[in-house]
N, C-alpha and C. Protein backbone atom coordinates (compact mmCIF):
# COMPACT_ATOMS: atom_id res chain seq x y z
N UNK A 1 45.22 -2.28 8.97
CA UNK A 1 44.12 -1.42 9.36
C UNK A 1 43.80 -0.47 8.21
N UNK A 2 42.50 -0.19 8.07
CA UNK A 2 42.04 0.82 7.12
C UNK A 2 41.17 1.81 7.88
N UNK A 3 41.28 3.05 7.52
CA UNK A 3 40.41 4.08 8.07
C UNK A 3 39.64 4.69 6.92
N UNK A 4 38.31 4.70 7.05
CA UNK A 4 37.45 5.18 5.99
C UNK A 4 36.73 6.47 6.38
N UNK A 5 36.63 7.41 5.44
CA UNK A 5 35.69 8.50 5.64
C UNK A 5 34.32 7.99 5.20
N UNK A 6 33.28 8.76 5.42
CA UNK A 6 31.92 8.30 5.13
C UNK A 6 31.76 7.89 3.67
N UNK A 7 32.26 8.69 2.75
CA UNK A 7 32.10 8.36 1.33
C UNK A 7 32.88 7.11 0.93
N UNK A 8 34.06 6.93 1.46
CA UNK A 8 34.81 5.71 1.18
C UNK A 8 34.08 4.48 1.73
N UNK A 9 33.49 4.64 2.90
CA UNK A 9 32.79 3.53 3.54
C UNK A 9 31.55 3.12 2.72
N UNK A 10 30.78 4.09 2.25
CA UNK A 10 29.59 3.72 1.49
C UNK A 10 29.96 3.16 0.11
N UNK A 11 31.02 3.65 -0.48
CA UNK A 11 31.48 3.10 -1.76
C UNK A 11 31.93 1.65 -1.57
N UNK A 12 32.64 1.39 -0.49
CA UNK A 12 33.09 0.03 -0.19
C UNK A 12 31.91 -0.90 0.09
N UNK A 13 30.91 -0.41 0.82
CA UNK A 13 29.72 -1.22 1.07
C UNK A 13 29.02 -1.59 -0.24
N UNK A 14 28.84 -0.61 -1.11
CA UNK A 14 28.18 -0.88 -2.40
C UNK A 14 28.96 -1.92 -3.19
N UNK A 15 30.26 -1.77 -3.21
CA UNK A 15 31.11 -2.70 -3.96
C UNK A 15 31.06 -4.11 -3.38
N UNK A 16 31.16 -4.22 -2.07
CA UNK A 16 31.17 -5.55 -1.44
C UNK A 16 29.80 -6.23 -1.48
N UNK A 17 28.74 -5.43 -1.36
CA UNK A 17 27.39 -6.00 -1.39
C UNK A 17 26.88 -6.21 -2.81
N UNK A 18 27.57 -5.57 -3.78
CA UNK A 18 27.16 -5.63 -5.19
C UNK A 18 25.74 -5.10 -5.37
N UNK A 19 25.43 -4.03 -4.63
CA UNK A 19 24.09 -3.42 -4.65
C UNK A 19 24.18 -1.98 -5.10
N UNK A 20 23.12 -1.51 -5.73
CA UNK A 20 22.94 -0.08 -5.95
C UNK A 20 22.59 0.53 -4.60
N UNK A 21 23.17 1.67 -4.30
CA UNK A 21 22.93 2.33 -3.02
C UNK A 21 22.64 3.81 -3.23
N UNK A 22 22.09 4.41 -2.18
CA UNK A 22 21.87 5.85 -2.18
C UNK A 22 22.15 6.36 -0.77
N UNK A 23 23.07 7.31 -0.69
CA UNK A 23 23.38 7.96 0.58
C UNK A 23 22.50 9.20 0.68
N UNK A 24 21.86 9.40 1.83
CA UNK A 24 21.06 10.60 2.05
C UNK A 24 21.51 11.28 3.33
N UNK A 25 21.37 12.60 3.36
CA UNK A 25 21.67 13.36 4.57
C UNK A 25 20.87 14.65 4.56
N UNK A 26 20.71 15.23 5.76
CA UNK A 26 19.92 16.44 5.91
C UNK A 26 20.29 17.13 7.20
N UNK A 27 19.94 18.41 7.28
CA UNK A 27 20.05 19.17 8.52
C UNK A 27 18.66 19.22 9.13
N UNK A 28 18.55 18.86 10.38
CA UNK A 28 17.23 18.83 11.02
C UNK A 28 17.05 20.06 11.89
N UNK A 29 16.86 21.20 11.26
CA UNK A 29 16.65 22.44 11.99
C UNK A 29 15.18 22.75 12.18
N UNK A 30 14.33 22.13 11.37
CA UNK A 30 12.92 22.48 11.41
C UNK A 30 12.02 21.34 11.83
N UNK A 31 10.83 21.39 11.36
CA UNK A 31 9.78 20.43 11.66
C UNK A 31 10.08 19.09 11.00
N UNK A 32 10.05 18.03 11.78
CA UNK A 32 10.34 16.69 11.25
C UNK A 32 9.33 16.28 10.17
N UNK A 33 8.12 16.79 10.25
CA UNK A 33 7.12 16.48 9.22
C UNK A 33 7.55 17.01 7.86
N UNK A 34 8.35 18.09 7.84
CA UNK A 34 8.89 18.61 6.58
C UNK A 34 9.88 17.62 5.97
N UNK A 35 10.69 16.99 6.83
CA UNK A 35 11.61 15.97 6.35
C UNK A 35 10.85 14.83 5.69
N UNK A 36 9.75 14.41 6.30
CA UNK A 36 8.96 13.31 5.75
C UNK A 36 8.33 13.67 4.41
N UNK A 37 8.15 14.94 4.16
CA UNK A 37 7.64 15.39 2.85
C UNK A 37 8.76 15.40 1.81
N UNK A 38 9.97 15.79 2.23
CA UNK A 38 11.10 15.85 1.30
C UNK A 38 11.66 14.46 0.99
N UNK A 39 11.46 13.52 1.90
CA UNK A 39 11.91 12.13 1.72
C UNK A 39 10.80 11.23 2.26
N UNK A 40 9.74 11.02 1.49
CA UNK A 40 8.54 10.35 1.99
C UNK A 40 8.72 8.89 2.40
N UNK A 41 9.83 8.30 2.10
CA UNK A 41 10.10 6.91 2.51
C UNK A 41 10.60 6.85 3.96
N UNK A 42 10.95 7.99 4.55
CA UNK A 42 11.34 8.03 5.96
C UNK A 42 10.10 8.22 6.83
N UNK A 43 10.17 7.70 8.04
CA UNK A 43 9.06 7.88 8.98
C UNK A 43 9.58 7.77 10.41
N UNK A 44 8.70 7.89 11.35
CA UNK A 44 9.08 7.90 12.76
C UNK A 44 9.64 6.56 13.25
N UNK A 45 9.49 5.50 12.47
CA UNK A 45 10.08 4.22 12.84
C UNK A 45 11.60 4.20 12.65
N UNK A 46 12.13 5.18 11.95
CA UNK A 46 13.56 5.25 11.67
C UNK A 46 14.27 6.15 12.69
N UNK A 47 14.06 5.91 13.97
CA UNK A 47 14.54 6.82 15.01
C UNK A 47 16.05 7.06 14.96
N UNK A 48 16.84 6.03 14.84
CA UNK A 48 18.30 6.23 14.83
C UNK A 48 18.72 7.02 13.60
N UNK A 49 18.14 6.72 12.46
CA UNK A 49 18.44 7.45 11.23
C UNK A 49 18.04 8.91 11.38
N UNK A 50 16.88 9.16 11.95
CA UNK A 50 16.43 10.55 12.15
C UNK A 50 17.39 11.29 13.06
N UNK A 51 17.87 10.63 14.09
CA UNK A 51 18.82 11.23 15.03
C UNK A 51 20.17 11.49 14.34
N UNK A 52 20.63 10.54 13.53
CA UNK A 52 21.93 10.66 12.87
C UNK A 52 21.94 11.73 11.78
N UNK A 53 20.80 11.92 11.12
CA UNK A 53 20.75 12.90 10.03
C UNK A 53 21.33 12.39 8.73
N UNK A 54 21.48 11.07 8.63
CA UNK A 54 21.99 10.47 7.40
C UNK A 54 21.68 8.98 7.40
N UNK A 55 21.70 8.42 6.19
CA UNK A 55 21.44 6.99 6.06
C UNK A 55 21.98 6.50 4.72
N UNK A 56 22.17 5.20 4.65
CA UNK A 56 22.53 4.55 3.40
C UNK A 56 21.41 3.58 3.06
N UNK A 57 20.83 3.75 1.88
CA UNK A 57 19.78 2.87 1.41
C UNK A 57 20.39 1.90 0.41
N UNK A 58 20.04 0.63 0.50
CA UNK A 58 20.57 -0.42 -0.36
C UNK A 58 19.41 -1.01 -1.15
N UNK A 59 19.62 -1.23 -2.45
CA UNK A 59 18.53 -1.64 -3.33
C UNK A 59 18.86 -2.93 -4.08
N UNK A 60 17.80 -3.66 -4.45
CA UNK A 60 17.97 -4.89 -5.22
C UNK A 60 18.17 -4.63 -6.70
N UNK A 61 17.85 -3.40 -7.15
CA UNK A 61 18.02 -3.09 -8.58
C UNK A 61 18.25 -1.60 -8.77
N UNK A 62 18.80 -1.25 -9.91
CA UNK A 62 18.99 0.16 -10.24
C UNK A 62 17.63 0.85 -10.39
N UNK A 63 16.67 0.17 -10.99
CA UNK A 63 15.34 0.76 -11.16
C UNK A 63 14.71 1.13 -9.81
N UNK A 64 14.84 0.23 -8.82
CA UNK A 64 14.30 0.52 -7.50
C UNK A 64 14.99 1.75 -6.89
N UNK A 65 16.30 1.85 -7.08
CA UNK A 65 17.02 3.00 -6.54
C UNK A 65 16.48 4.30 -7.14
N UNK A 66 16.23 4.31 -8.44
CA UNK A 66 15.74 5.55 -9.09
C UNK A 66 14.36 5.96 -8.58
N UNK A 67 13.55 5.00 -8.20
CA UNK A 67 12.24 5.34 -7.62
C UNK A 67 12.44 6.19 -6.37
N UNK A 68 13.35 5.78 -5.50
CA UNK A 68 13.60 6.51 -4.25
C UNK A 68 14.36 7.82 -4.50
N UNK A 69 15.32 7.79 -5.40
CA UNK A 69 16.05 9.00 -5.73
C UNK A 69 15.09 10.08 -6.23
N UNK A 70 14.16 9.68 -7.08
CA UNK A 70 13.22 10.65 -7.65
C UNK A 70 12.17 11.13 -6.66
N UNK A 71 12.06 10.50 -5.52
CA UNK A 71 11.17 10.97 -4.46
C UNK A 71 11.86 11.95 -3.52
N UNK A 72 13.19 12.07 -3.63
CA UNK A 72 13.99 12.83 -2.68
C UNK A 72 14.19 14.26 -3.16
N UNK A 73 13.66 15.21 -2.41
CA UNK A 73 13.77 16.63 -2.79
C UNK A 73 15.02 17.22 -2.16
N UNK A 74 15.96 17.61 -3.01
CA UNK A 74 17.20 18.23 -2.57
C UNK A 74 17.25 19.68 -2.99
N UNK A 75 18.46 20.19 -3.13
CA UNK A 75 18.64 21.59 -3.51
C UNK A 75 18.07 21.91 -4.89
N UNK A 76 17.95 20.91 -5.75
CA UNK A 76 17.36 21.12 -7.07
C UNK A 76 15.86 21.39 -6.99
N UNK A 77 15.27 21.18 -5.83
CA UNK A 77 13.84 21.45 -5.65
C UNK A 77 12.97 20.26 -5.99
N UNK A 78 11.68 20.51 -6.18
CA UNK A 78 10.71 19.43 -6.43
C UNK A 78 11.14 18.55 -7.60
N UNK A 79 10.71 17.30 -7.54
CA UNK A 79 11.01 16.33 -8.60
C UNK A 79 9.72 15.93 -9.30
N UNK A 80 9.86 15.16 -10.37
CA UNK A 80 8.68 14.65 -11.07
C UNK A 80 7.82 13.79 -10.15
N UNK A 81 8.46 13.08 -9.23
CA UNK A 81 7.75 12.18 -8.33
C UNK A 81 7.34 12.82 -7.01
N UNK A 82 7.90 13.99 -6.70
CA UNK A 82 7.61 14.62 -5.41
C UNK A 82 7.53 16.14 -5.59
N UNK A 83 6.33 16.71 -5.55
CA UNK A 83 6.16 18.15 -5.76
C UNK A 83 6.47 19.02 -4.54
N UNK A 84 6.96 18.42 -3.47
CA UNK A 84 7.24 19.17 -2.24
C UNK A 84 8.15 20.37 -2.53
N UNK A 85 7.74 21.55 -2.06
CA UNK A 85 8.51 22.78 -2.29
C UNK A 85 8.75 23.53 -0.98
N UNK A 86 8.71 22.82 0.15
CA UNK A 86 8.91 23.44 1.45
C UNK A 86 10.37 23.68 1.76
N UNK A 87 10.67 24.01 3.02
CA UNK A 87 12.01 24.42 3.41
C UNK A 87 13.05 23.29 3.58
N UNK A 88 12.61 22.07 3.76
CA UNK A 88 13.55 20.97 4.01
C UNK A 88 14.17 20.48 2.70
N UNK A 89 15.46 20.18 2.75
CA UNK A 89 16.17 19.61 1.62
C UNK A 89 16.93 18.37 2.09
N UNK A 90 16.87 17.32 1.28
CA UNK A 90 17.57 16.07 1.59
C UNK A 90 18.56 15.80 0.47
N UNK A 91 19.82 15.75 0.82
CA UNK A 91 20.88 15.45 -0.14
C UNK A 91 20.82 13.96 -0.48
N UNK A 92 20.94 13.63 -1.75
CA UNK A 92 20.97 12.23 -2.18
C UNK A 92 22.13 12.03 -3.16
N UNK A 93 22.85 10.93 -2.98
CA UNK A 93 23.98 10.57 -3.83
C UNK A 93 23.84 9.09 -4.17
N UNK A 94 23.85 8.77 -5.47
CA UNK A 94 23.71 7.37 -5.89
C UNK A 94 25.09 6.74 -6.06
N UNK A 95 25.13 5.43 -5.77
CA UNK A 95 26.38 4.67 -5.86
C UNK A 95 26.08 3.36 -6.57
N UNK A 96 26.88 3.04 -7.58
CA UNK A 96 26.69 1.80 -8.33
C UNK A 96 27.30 0.62 -7.59
N UNK A 97 26.96 -0.61 -8.02
CA UNK A 97 27.50 -1.80 -7.36
C UNK A 97 29.02 -1.94 -7.44
N UNK A 98 29.66 -1.16 -8.31
CA UNK A 98 31.13 -1.19 -8.36
C UNK A 98 31.75 -0.09 -7.50
N UNK A 99 30.92 0.60 -6.69
CA UNK A 99 31.41 1.59 -5.75
C UNK A 99 31.67 2.97 -6.36
N UNK A 100 31.14 3.22 -7.53
CA UNK A 100 31.33 4.51 -8.20
C UNK A 100 30.16 5.43 -7.89
N UNK A 101 30.47 6.68 -7.52
CA UNK A 101 29.43 7.67 -7.27
C UNK A 101 28.89 8.18 -8.58
N UNK A 102 27.57 8.41 -8.61
CA UNK A 102 26.93 8.86 -9.84
C UNK A 102 26.19 10.17 -9.61
N UNK A 103 24.88 10.13 -9.52
CA UNK A 103 24.07 11.34 -9.46
C UNK A 103 23.94 11.88 -8.05
N UNK A 104 23.82 13.20 -7.95
CA UNK A 104 23.46 13.84 -6.69
C UNK A 104 22.46 14.94 -7.00
N UNK A 105 21.57 15.19 -6.07
CA UNK A 105 20.46 16.12 -6.29
C UNK A 105 20.78 17.52 -5.76
N UNK A 106 21.91 18.05 -6.18
CA UNK A 106 22.29 19.40 -5.76
C UNK A 106 22.50 20.28 -6.96
């Protein structure tokens, strides 16, 4: 038996799938429309993800992952791809196909 914490689990998924991944999470204290501005790839179709307050995104390439990472507004504030400067912040952490954590937007 193995017991994984969230970070171990996402690292293992990236390694086994051999995919670039990005873990995202947020606190949903405010208007959901603010979340959609801070992470424009999320929408109302992602009901379970919205309820959970976190998700793991899996990508076919590193370049594709960077497109989404650069759209995600975290504690560092607006990005080159997303000028949103409102109250919502979405944490993003990138994971390589070998399960190593890389960038985070804090």
